[in-house]
Amino acid sequence: MIYNIPGNTFILGGCDTGVLYAVYSFLEKVLGIRWFYPDVNDEIIPSLLYNDLSETLSAPFCNYENPSFKIRMISLFFTTSVEYINVLILNA
């Protein structure tokens, strides 16, 4: 859940992974950051002027997402590395 009231932004999740996904969602949907491949060279980070950011965060909004599945896992080469799986979600 991403909840914004002017001057305060709250990013919440039901567990550590939920918070991580909420942060990714905030970065993507609110700030326009994109990851096309899990490599620093493939990140798109737009230049944000302070005025643009303060204008975006000055309006109240609430974004609530609930996963469709109880367990979500991506398996690539049968990896079980939590760190790698968390990076892969950036491409979702």
PDB file of N, CA and C in Angstrom:
ATOM      1  N   MET A   1       0.841  -1.171   0.000  1.00  0.00           N
ATOM      2  CA  MET A   1       0.000   0.000   0.000  1.00  0.00           C
ATOM      3  C   MET A   1       0.887   1.236   0.000  1.00  0.00           C
ATOM      4  N   ILE A   2       0.537   2.172  -0.849  1.00  0.00           N
ATOM      5  CA  ILE A   2       1.213   3.458  -0.890  1.00  0.00           C
ATOM      6  C   ILE A   2       0.147   4.497  -0.573  1.00  0.00           C
ATOM      7  N   TYR A   3       0.382   5.241   0.468  1.00  0.00           N
ATOM      8  CA  TYR A   3      -0.596   6.218   0.936  1.00  0.00           C
ATOM      9  C   TYR A   3       0.109   7.553   1.076  1.00  0.00           C
ATOM     10  N   ASN A   4      -0.445   8.571   0.454  1.00  0.00           N
ATOM     11  CA  ASN A   4       0.184   9.885   0.502  1.00  0.00           C
ATOM     12  C   ASN A   4      -0.815  10.925   0.966  1.00  0.00           C
ATOM     13  N   ILE A   5      -0.420  11.696   1.946  1.00  0.00           N
ATOM     14  CA  ILE A   5      -1.114  12.921   2.310  1.00  0.00           C
ATOM     15  C   ILE A   5      -0.042  14.002   2.198  1.00  0.00           C
ATOM     16  N   PRO A   6      -0.402  15.194   1.818  1.00  0.00           N
ATOM     17  CA  PRO A   6       0.626  16.208   1.607  1.00  0.00           C
ATOM     18  C   PRO A   6       1.610  16.290   2.787  1.00  0.00           C
ATOM     19  N   GLY A   7       2.871  16.107   2.448  1.00  0.00           N
ATOM     20  CA  GLY A   7       3.928  16.164   3.459  1.00  0.00           C
ATOM     21  C   GLY A   7       4.340  14.818   4.012  1.00  0.00           C
ATOM     22  N   ASN A   8       3.562  13.765   3.753  1.00  0.00           N
ATOM     23  CA  ASN A   8       3.872  12.434   4.290  1.00  0.00           C
ATOM     24  C   ASN A   8       3.499  11.352   3.283  1.00  0.00           C
ATOM     25  N   THR A   9       4.436  10.457   3.031  1.00  0.00           N
ATOM     26  CA  THR A   9       4.178   9.311   2.172  1.00  0.00           C
ATOM     27  C   THR A   9       4.461   8.053   2.966  1.00  0.00           C
ATOM     28  N   PHE A  10       3.520   7.125   2.976  1.00  0.00           N
ATOM     29  CA  PHE A  10       3.658   5.873   3.707  1.00  0.00           C
ATOM     30  C   PHE A  10       3.678   4.724   2.714  1.00  0.00           C
ATOM     31  N   ILE A  11       4.663   3.844   2.832  1.00  0.00           N
ATOM     32  CA  ILE A  11       4.774   2.672   1.983  1.00  0.00           C
ATOM     33  C   ILE A  11       4.741   1.462   2.901  1.00  0.00           C
ATOM     34  N   LEU A  12       3.682   0.659   2.761  1.00  0.00           N
ATOM     35  CA  LEU A  12       3.438  -0.443   3.691  1.00  0.00           C
ATOM     36  C   LEU A  12       3.295  -1.765   2.950  1.00  0.00           C
ATOM     37  N   GLY A  13       3.557  -2.848   3.653  1.00  0.00           N
ATOM     38  CA  GLY A  13       3.363  -4.180   3.102  1.00  0.00           C
ATOM     39  C   GLY A  13       3.078  -5.158   4.218  1.00  0.00           C
ATOM     40  N   GLY A  14       2.482  -6.293   3.873  1.00  0.00           N
ATOM     41  CA  GLY A  14       2.122  -7.290   4.871  1.00  0.00           C
ATOM     42  C   GLY A  14       3.312  -8.061   5.417  1.00  0.00           C
ATOM     43  N   CYS A  15       4.448  -8.022   4.710  1.00  0.00           N
ATOM     44  CA  CYS A  15       5.673  -8.687   5.140  1.00  0.00           C
ATOM     45  C   CYS A  15       6.839  -7.952   4.488  1.00  0.00           C
ATOM     46  N   ASP A  16       8.059  -8.395   4.740  1.00  0.00           N
ATOM     47  CA  ASP A  16       9.225  -7.725   4.164  1.00  0.00           C
ATOM     48  C   ASP A  16       9.161  -7.680   2.644  1.00  0.00           C
ATOM     49  N   THR A  17       8.770  -8.776   2.021  1.00  0.00           N
ATOM     50  CA  THR A  17       8.675  -8.818   0.566  1.00  0.00           C
ATOM     51  C   THR A  17       7.587  -7.874   0.069  1.00  0.00           C
ATOM     52  N   GLY A  18       6.481  -7.789   0.793  1.00  0.00           N
ATOM     53  CA  GLY A  18       5.408  -6.867   0.429  1.00  0.00           C
ATOM     54  C   GLY A  18       5.859  -5.423   0.461  1.00  0.00           C
ATOM     55  N   VAL A  19       6.663  -5.071   1.461  1.00  0.00           N
ATOM     56  CA  VAL A  19       7.205  -3.711   1.539  1.00  0.00           C
ATOM     57  C   VAL A  19       8.144  -3.461   0.362  1.00  0.00           C
ATOM     58  N   LEU A  20       8.997  -4.439   0.050  1.00  0.00           N
ATOM     59  CA  LEU A  20       9.922  -4.311  -1.073  1.00  0.00           C
ATOM     60  C   LEU A  20       9.153  -4.071  -2.372  1.00  0.00           C
ATOM     61  N   TYR A  21       8.102  -4.846  -2.620  1.00  0.00           N
ATOM     62  CA  TYR A  21       7.310  -4.684  -3.834  1.00  0.00           C
ATOM     63  C   TYR A  21       6.574  -3.347  -3.838  1.00  0.00           C
ATOM     64  N   ALA A  22       6.132  -2.878  -2.678  1.00  0.00           N
ATOM     65  CA  ALA A  22       5.471  -1.572  -2.592  1.00  0.00           C
ATOM     66  C   ALA A  22       6.457  -0.450  -2.932  1.00  0.00           C
ATOM     67  N   VAL A  23       7.690  -0.576  -2.472  1.00  0.00           N
ATOM     68  CA  VAL A  23       8.714   0.421  -2.809  1.00  0.00           C
ATOM     69  C   VAL A  23       8.977   0.404  -4.314  1.00  0.00           C
ATOM     70  N   TYR A  24       9.112  -0.791  -4.903  1.00  0.00           N
ATOM     71  CA  TYR A  24       9.302  -0.891  -6.350  1.00  0.00           C
ATOM     72  C   TYR A  24       8.131  -0.243  -7.088  1.00  0.00           C
ATOM     73  N   SER A  25       6.917  -0.484  -6.628  1.00  0.00           N
ATOM     74  CA  SER A  25       5.731   0.084  -7.255  1.00  0.00           C
ATOM     75  C   SER A  25       5.752   1.609  -7.174  1.00  0.00           C
ATOM     76  N   PHE A  26       6.126   2.145  -6.015  1.00  0.00           N
ATOM     77  CA  PHE A  26       6.226   3.597  -5.834  1.00  0.00           C
ATOM     78  C   PHE A  26       7.255   4.188  -6.792  1.00  0.00           C
ATOM     79  N   LEU A  27       8.425   3.563  -6.854  1.00  0.00           N
ATOM     80  CA  LEU A  27       9.488   4.069  -7.729  1.00  0.00           C
ATOM     81  C   LEU A  27       9.045   4.052  -9.193  1.00  0.00           C
ATOM     82  N   GLU A  28       8.329   2.998  -9.576  1.00  0.00           N
ATOM     83  CA  GLU A  28       7.914   2.875 -10.970  1.00  0.00           C
ATOM     84  C   GLU A  28       6.726   3.774 -11.305  1.00  0.00           C
ATOM     85  N   LYS A  29       5.656   3.691 -10.508  1.00  0.00           N
ATOM     86  CA  LYS A  29       4.414   4.387 -10.851  1.00  0.00           C
ATOM     87  C   LYS A  29       4.434   5.869 -10.512  1.00  0.00           C
ATOM     88  N   VAL A  30       5.102   6.249  -9.436  1.00  0.00           N
ATOM     89  CA  VAL A  30       5.091   7.645  -9.012  1.00  0.00           C
ATOM     90  C   VAL A  30       6.301   8.404  -9.555  1.00  0.00           C
ATOM     91  N   LEU A  31       7.475   7.797  -9.492  1.00  0.00           N
ATOM     92  CA  LEU A  31       8.689   8.501  -9.898  1.00  0.00           C
ATOM     93  C   LEU A  31       9.133   8.194 -11.322  1.00  0.00           C
ATOM     94  N   GLY A  32       8.532   7.180 -11.963  1.00  0.00           N
ATOM     95  CA  GLY A  32       8.835   6.880 -13.356  1.00  0.00           C
ATOM     96  C   GLY A  32      10.123   6.113 -13.592  1.00  0.00           C
ATOM     97  N   ILE A  33      10.659   5.488 -12.561  1.00  0.00           N
ATOM     98  CA  ILE A  33      11.885   4.707 -12.702  1.00  0.00           C
ATOM     99  C   ILE A  33      11.538   3.358 -13.323  1.00  0.00           C
ATOM    100  N   ARG A  34      12.349   2.909 -14.270  1.00  0.00           N
ATOM    101  CA  ARG A  34      12.104   1.640 -14.959  1.00  0.00           C
ATOM    102  C   ARG A  34      13.355   0.785 -14.951  1.00  0.00           C
ATOM    103  N   TRP A  35      13.155  -0.525 -14.890  1.00  0.00           N
ATOM    104  CA  TRP A  35      14.232  -1.498 -14.981  1.00  0.00           C
ATOM    105  C   TRP A  35      13.865  -2.463 -16.103  1.00  0.00           C
ATOM    106  N   PHE A  36      14.702  -2.547 -17.107  1.00  0.00           N
ATOM    107  CA  PHE A  36      14.411  -3.447 -18.223  1.00  0.00           C
ATOM    108  C   PHE A  36      15.242  -4.721 -18.163  1.00  0.00           C
ATOM    109  N   TYR A  37      16.220  -4.742 -17.318  1.00  0.00           N
ATOM    110  CA  TYR A  37      17.083  -5.909 -17.134  1.00  0.00           C
ATOM    111  C   TYR A  37      17.767  -5.726 -15.790  1.00  0.00           C
ATOM    112  N   PRO A  38      17.985  -6.784 -15.038  1.00  0.00           N
ATOM    113  CA  PRO A  38      18.574  -6.604 -13.705  1.00  0.00           C
ATOM    114  C   PRO A  38      20.060  -6.223 -13.760  1.00  0.00           C
ATOM    115  N   ASP A  39      20.330  -5.075 -14.339  1.00  0.00           N
ATOM    116  CA  ASP A  39      21.688  -4.561 -14.448  1.00  0.00           C
ATOM    117  C   ASP A  39      21.611  -3.043 -14.320  1.00  0.00           C
ATOM    118  N   VAL A  40      22.534  -2.469 -13.610  1.00  0.00           N
ATOM    119  CA  VAL A  40      22.529  -1.031 -13.374  1.00  0.00           C
ATOM    120  C   VAL A  40      22.582  -0.235 -14.681  1.00  0.00           C
ATOM    121  N   ASN A  41      23.175  -0.786 -15.724  1.00  0.00           N
ATOM    122  CA  ASN A  41      23.266  -0.090 -17.004  1.00  0.00           C
ATOM    123  C   ASN A  41      21.935  -0.035 -17.741  1.00  0.00           C
ATOM    124  N   ASP A  42      20.965  -0.826 -17.326  1.00  0.00           N
ATOM    125  CA  ASP A  42      19.671  -0.879 -17.989  1.00  0.00           C
ATOM    126  C   ASP A  42      18.563  -0.213 -17.185  1.00  0.00           C
ATOM    127  N   GLU A  43      18.923   0.589 -16.201  1.00  0.00           N
ATOM    128  CA  GLU A  43      17.943   1.333 -15.424  1.00  0.00           C
ATOM    129  C   GLU A  43      17.628   2.649 -16.133  1.00  0.00           C
ATOM    130  N   ILE A  44      16.384   3.041 -16.071  1.00  0.00           N
ATOM    131  CA  ILE A  44      15.990   4.350 -16.585  1.00  0.00           C
ATOM    132  C   ILE A  44      15.497   5.156 -15.388  1.00  0.00           C
ATOM    133  N   ILE A  45      16.256   6.171 -15.062  1.00  0.00           N
ATOM    134  CA  ILE A  45      15.909   7.039 -13.934  1.00  0.00           C
ATOM    135  C   ILE A  45      15.735   8.446 -14.487  1.00  0.00           C
ATOM    136  N   PRO A  46      14.481   8.898 -14.594  1.00  0.00           N
ATOM    137  CA  PRO A  46      14.252  10.222 -15.175  1.00  0.00           C
ATOM    138  C   PRO A  46      14.772  11.328 -14.258  1.00  0.00           C
ATOM    139  N   SER A  47      15.152  12.422 -14.867  1.00  0.00           N
ATOM    140  CA  SER A  47      15.548  13.590 -14.085  1.00  0.00           C
ATOM    141  C   SER A  47      14.278  14.224 -13.530  1.00  0.00           C
ATOM    142  N   LEU A  48      14.211  14.314 -12.243  1.00  0.00           N
ATOM    143  CA  LEU A  48      13.048  14.935 -11.605  1.00  0.00           C
ATOM    144  C   LEU A  48      13.475  16.257 -10.986  1.00  0.00           C
ATOM    145  N   LEU A  49      12.776  17.291 -11.345  1.00  0.00           N
ATOM    146  CA  LEU A  49      13.011  18.565 -10.694  1.00  0.00           C
ATOM    147  C   LEU A  49      12.293  18.558  -9.359  1.00  0.00           C
ATOM    148  N   TYR A  50      12.843  19.265  -8.402  1.00  0.00           N
ATOM    149  CA  TYR A  50      12.231  19.316  -7.074  1.00  0.00           C
ATOM    150  C   TYR A  50      10.773  19.760  -7.166  1.00  0.00           C
ATOM    151  N   ASN A  51      10.487  20.735  -8.025  1.00  0.00           N
ATOM    152  CA  ASN A  51       9.113  21.236  -8.158  1.00  0.00           C
ATOM    153  C   ASN A  51       8.178  20.151  -8.683  1.00  0.00           C
ATOM    154  N   ASP A  52       8.663  19.332  -9.642  1.00  0.00           N
ATOM    155  CA  ASP A  52       7.839  18.245 -10.169  1.00  0.00           C
ATOM    156  C   ASP A  52       7.520  17.230  -9.086  1.00  0.00           C
ATOM    157  N   LEU A  53       8.524  16.871  -8.307  1.00  0.00           N
ATOM    158  CA  LEU A  53       8.331  15.886  -7.243  1.00  0.00           C
ATOM    159  C   LEU A  53       7.409  16.430  -6.166  1.00  0.00           C
ATOM    160  N   SER A  54       7.615  17.669  -5.744  1.00  0.00           N
ATOM    161  CA  SER A  54       6.745  18.223  -4.696  1.00  0.00           C
ATOM    162  C   SER A  54       5.319  18.374  -5.197  1.00  0.00           C
ATOM    163  N   GLU A  55       5.140  18.669  -6.506  1.00  0.00           N
ATOM    164  CA  GLU A  55       3.791  18.756  -7.057  1.00  0.00           C
ATOM    165  C   GLU A  55       3.127  17.383  -7.078  1.00  0.00           C
ATOM    166  N   THR A  56       3.891  16.346  -7.450  1.00  0.00           N
ATOM    167  CA  THR A  56       3.361  14.982  -7.482  1.00  0.00           C
ATOM    168  C   THR A  56       2.934  14.534  -6.096  1.00  0.00           C
ATOM    169  N   LEU A  57       3.740  14.855  -5.098  1.00  0.00           N
ATOM    170  CA  LEU A  57       3.453  14.393  -3.741  1.00  0.00           C
ATOM    171  C   LEU A  57       2.582  15.360  -2.947  1.00  0.00           C
ATOM    172  N   SER A  58       2.142  16.444  -3.566  1.00  0.00           N
ATOM    173  CA  SER A  58       1.293  17.389  -2.842  1.00  0.00           C
ATOM    174  C   SER A  58      -0.176  16.972  -2.865  1.00  0.00           C
ATOM    175  N   ALA A  59      -0.538  16.101  -3.797  1.00  0.00           N
ATOM    176  CA  ALA A  59      -1.928  15.637  -3.876  1.00  0.00           C
ATOM    177  C   ALA A  59      -2.088  14.332  -3.104  1.00  0.00           C
ATOM    178  N   PRO A  60      -3.171  14.206  -2.343  1.00  0.00           N
ATOM    179  CA  PRO A  60      -3.384  12.945  -1.630  1.00  0.00           C
ATOM    180  C   PRO A  60      -3.704  11.806  -2.600  1.00  0.00           C
ATOM    181  N   PHE A  61      -3.180  10.621  -2.332  1.00  0.00           N
ATOM    182  CA  PHE A  61      -3.512   9.449  -3.122  1.00  0.00           C
ATOM    183  C   PHE A  61      -3.288   8.196  -2.292  1.00  0.00           C
ATOM    184  N   CYS A  62      -3.933   7.123  -2.717  1.00  0.00           N
ATOM    185  CA  CYS A  62      -3.776   5.831  -2.064  1.00  0.00           C
ATOM    186  C   CYS A  62      -3.757   4.767  -3.155  1.00  0.00           C
ATOM    187  N   ASN A  63      -2.749   3.922  -3.131  1.00  0.00           N
ATOM    188  CA  ASN A  63      -2.630   2.829  -4.088  1.00  0.00           C
ATOM    189  C   ASN A  63      -2.527   1.538  -3.294  1.00  0.00           C
ATOM    190  N   TYR A  64      -3.501   0.667  -3.448  1.00  0.00           N
ATOM    191  CA  TYR A  64      -3.513  -0.610  -2.727  1.00  0.00           C
ATOM    192  C   TYR A  64      -3.504  -1.730  -3.744  1.00  0.00           C
ATOM    193  N   GLU A  65      -2.566  -2.624  -3.613  1.00  0.00           N
ATOM    194  CA  GLU A  65      -2.498  -3.791  -4.491  1.00  0.00           C
ATOM    195  C   GLU A  65      -2.458  -5.037  -3.626  1.00  0.00           C
ATOM    196  N   ASN A  66      -3.191  -6.032  -4.048  1.00  0.00           N
ATOM    197  CA  ASN A  66      -3.213  -7.304  -3.339  1.00  0.00           C
ATOM    198  C   ASN A  66      -2.783  -8.383  -4.332  1.00  0.00           C
ATOM    199  N   PRO A  67      -1.791  -9.190  -3.993  1.00  0.00           N
ATOM    200  CA  PRO A  67      -1.338 -10.197  -4.951  1.00  0.00           C
ATOM    201  C   PRO A  67      -2.429 -11.204  -5.292  1.00  0.00           C
ATOM    202  N   SER A  68      -2.414 -11.657  -6.546  1.00  0.00           N
ATOM    203  CA  SER A  68      -3.382 -12.647  -7.001  1.00  0.00           C
ATOM    204  C   SER A  68      -3.069 -14.040  -6.473  1.00  0.00           C
ATOM    205  N   PHE A  69      -1.801 -14.262  -6.125  1.00  0.00           N
ATOM    206  CA  PHE A  69      -1.359 -15.565  -5.658  1.00  0.00           C
ATOM    207  C   PHE A  69      -0.784 -15.447  -4.253  1.00  0.00           C
ATOM    208  N   LYS A  70      -0.975 -16.483  -3.461  1.00  0.00           N
ATOM    209  CA  LYS A  70      -0.427 -16.479  -2.107  1.00  0.00           C
ATOM    210  C   LYS A  70       1.099 -16.515  -2.142  1.00  0.00           C
ATOM    211  N   ILE A  71       1.646 -17.283  -3.065  1.00  0.00           N
ATOM    212  CA  ILE A  71       3.097 -17.392  -3.209  1.00  0.00           C
ATOM    213  C   ILE A  71       3.452 -16.991  -4.632  1.00  0.00           C
ATOM    214  N   ARG A  72       4.434 -16.122  -4.771  1.00  0.00           N
ATOM    215  CA  ARG A  72       4.879 -15.708  -6.090  1.00  0.00           C
ATOM    216  C   ARG A  72       6.364 -15.994  -6.190  1.00  0.00           C
ATOM    217  N   MET A  73       6.740 -16.762  -7.189  1.00  0.00           N
ATOM    218  CA  MET A  73       8.142 -17.109  -7.346  1.00  0.00           C
ATOM    219  C   MET A  73       8.465 -17.207  -8.823  1.00  0.00           C
ATOM    220  N   ILE A  74       9.600 -16.700  -9.176  1.00  0.00           N
ATOM    221  CA  ILE A  74      10.100 -16.813 -10.535  1.00  0.00           C
ATOM    222  C   ILE A  74      11.262 -17.780 -10.488  1.00  0.00           C
ATOM    223  N   SER A  75      11.234 -18.762 -11.364  1.00  0.00           N
ATOM    224  CA  SER A  75      12.309 -19.744 -11.381  1.00  0.00           C
ATOM    225  C   SER A  75      13.055 -19.636 -12.691  1.00  0.00           C
ATOM    226  N   LEU A  76      14.303 -19.272 -12.608  1.00  0.00           N
ATOM    227  CA  LEU A  76      15.157 -19.189 -13.770  1.00  0.00           C
ATOM    228  C   LEU A  76      16.381 -20.031 -13.471  1.00  0.00           C
ATOM    229  N   PHE A  77      16.565 -21.071 -14.222  1.00  0.00           N
ATOM    230  CA  PHE A  77      17.657 -22.009 -13.971  1.00  0.00           C
ATOM    231  C   PHE A  77      17.553 -22.578 -12.552  1.00  0.00           C
ATOM    232  N   PHE A  78      16.321 -22.706 -12.073  1.00  0.00           N
ATOM    233  CA  PHE A  78      16.037 -23.290 -10.773  1.00  0.00           C
ATOM    234  C   PHE A  78      16.749 -22.561  -9.631  1.00  0.00           C
ATOM    235  N   THR A  79      16.900 -21.258  -9.762  1.00  0.00           N
ATOM    236  CA  THR A  79      17.551 -20.484  -8.712  1.00  0.00           C
ATOM    237  C   THR A  79      16.625 -20.334  -7.508  1.00  0.00           C
ATOM    238  N   THR A  80      17.189 -20.328  -6.349  1.00  0.00           N
ATOM    239  CA  THR A  80      16.421 -20.075  -5.129  1.00  0.00           C
ATOM    240  C   THR A  80      16.986 -18.873  -4.391  1.00  0.00           C
ATOM    241  N   SER A  81      17.871 -18.124  -5.035  1.00  0.00           N
ATOM    242  CA  SER A  81      18.459 -16.945  -4.415  1.00  0.00           C
ATOM    243  C   SER A  81      17.390 -15.870  -4.242  1.00  0.00           C
ATOM    244  N   VAL A  82      17.069 -15.545  -3.003  1.00  0.00           N
ATOM    245  CA  VAL A  82      16.053 -14.542  -2.717  1.00  0.00           C
ATOM    246  C   VAL A  82      16.469 -13.190  -3.290  1.00  0.00           C
ATOM    247  N   GLU A  83      17.739 -12.855  -3.192  1.00  0.00           N
ATOM    248  CA  GLU A  83      18.221 -11.577  -3.712  1.00  0.00           C
ATOM    249  C   GLU A  83      17.986 -11.484  -5.225  1.00  0.00           C
ATOM    250  N   TYR A  84      18.287 -12.566  -5.945  1.00  0.00           N
ATOM    251  CA  TYR A  84      18.113 -12.560  -7.394  1.00  0.00           C
ATOM    252  C   TYR A  84      16.633 -12.502  -7.763  1.00  0.00           C
ATOM    253  N   ILE A  85      15.804 -13.229  -7.055  1.00  0.00           N
ATOM    254  CA  ILE A  85      14.372 -13.215  -7.316  1.00  0.00           C
ATOM    255  C   ILE A  85      13.801 -11.816  -7.072  1.00  0.00           C
ATOM    256  N   ASN A  86      14.270 -11.138  -6.027  1.00  0.00           N
ATOM    257  CA  ASN A  86      13.791  -9.782  -5.737  1.00  0.00           C
ATOM    258  C   ASN A  86      14.215  -8.799  -6.818  1.00  0.00           C
ATOM    259  N   VAL A  87      15.359  -9.024  -7.456  1.00  0.00           N
ATOM    260  CA  VAL A  87      15.773  -8.179  -8.568  1.00  0.00           C
ATOM    261  C   VAL A  87      14.926  -8.462  -9.794  1.00  0.00           C
ATOM    262  N   LEU A  88      14.567  -9.708 -10.022  1.00  0.00           N
ATOM    263  CA  LEU A  88      13.761 -10.054 -11.186  1.00  0.00           C
ATOM    264  C   LEU A  88      12.394  -9.384 -11.173  1.00  0.00           C
ATOM    265  N   ILE A  89      11.839  -9.119  -9.995  1.00  0.00           N
ATOM    266  CA  ILE A  89      10.531  -8.483  -9.929  1.00  0.00           C
ATOM    267  C   ILE A  89      10.557  -7.104 -10.561  1.00  0.00           C
ATOM    268  N   LEU A  90      11.726  -6.495 -10.650  1.00  0.00           N
ATOM    269  CA  LEU A  90      11.826  -5.176 -11.264  1.00  0.00           C
ATOM    270  C   LEU A  90      11.399  -5.198 -12.721  1.00  0.00           C
ATOM    271  N   ASN A  91      11.455  -6.348 -13.355  1.00  0.00           N
ATOM    272  CA  ASN A  91      11.087  -6.463 -14.756  1.00  0.00           C
ATOM    273  C   ASN A  91       9.625  -6.814 -14.957  1.00  0.00           C
ATOM    274  N   ALA A  92       8.861  -6.941 -13.886  1.00  0.00           N
ATOM    275  CA  ALA A  92       7.466  -7.360 -13.998  1.00  0.00           C
ATOM    276  C   ALA A  92       6.618  -6.302 -14.665  1.00  0.00           C
TER     277      ALA A  92
END
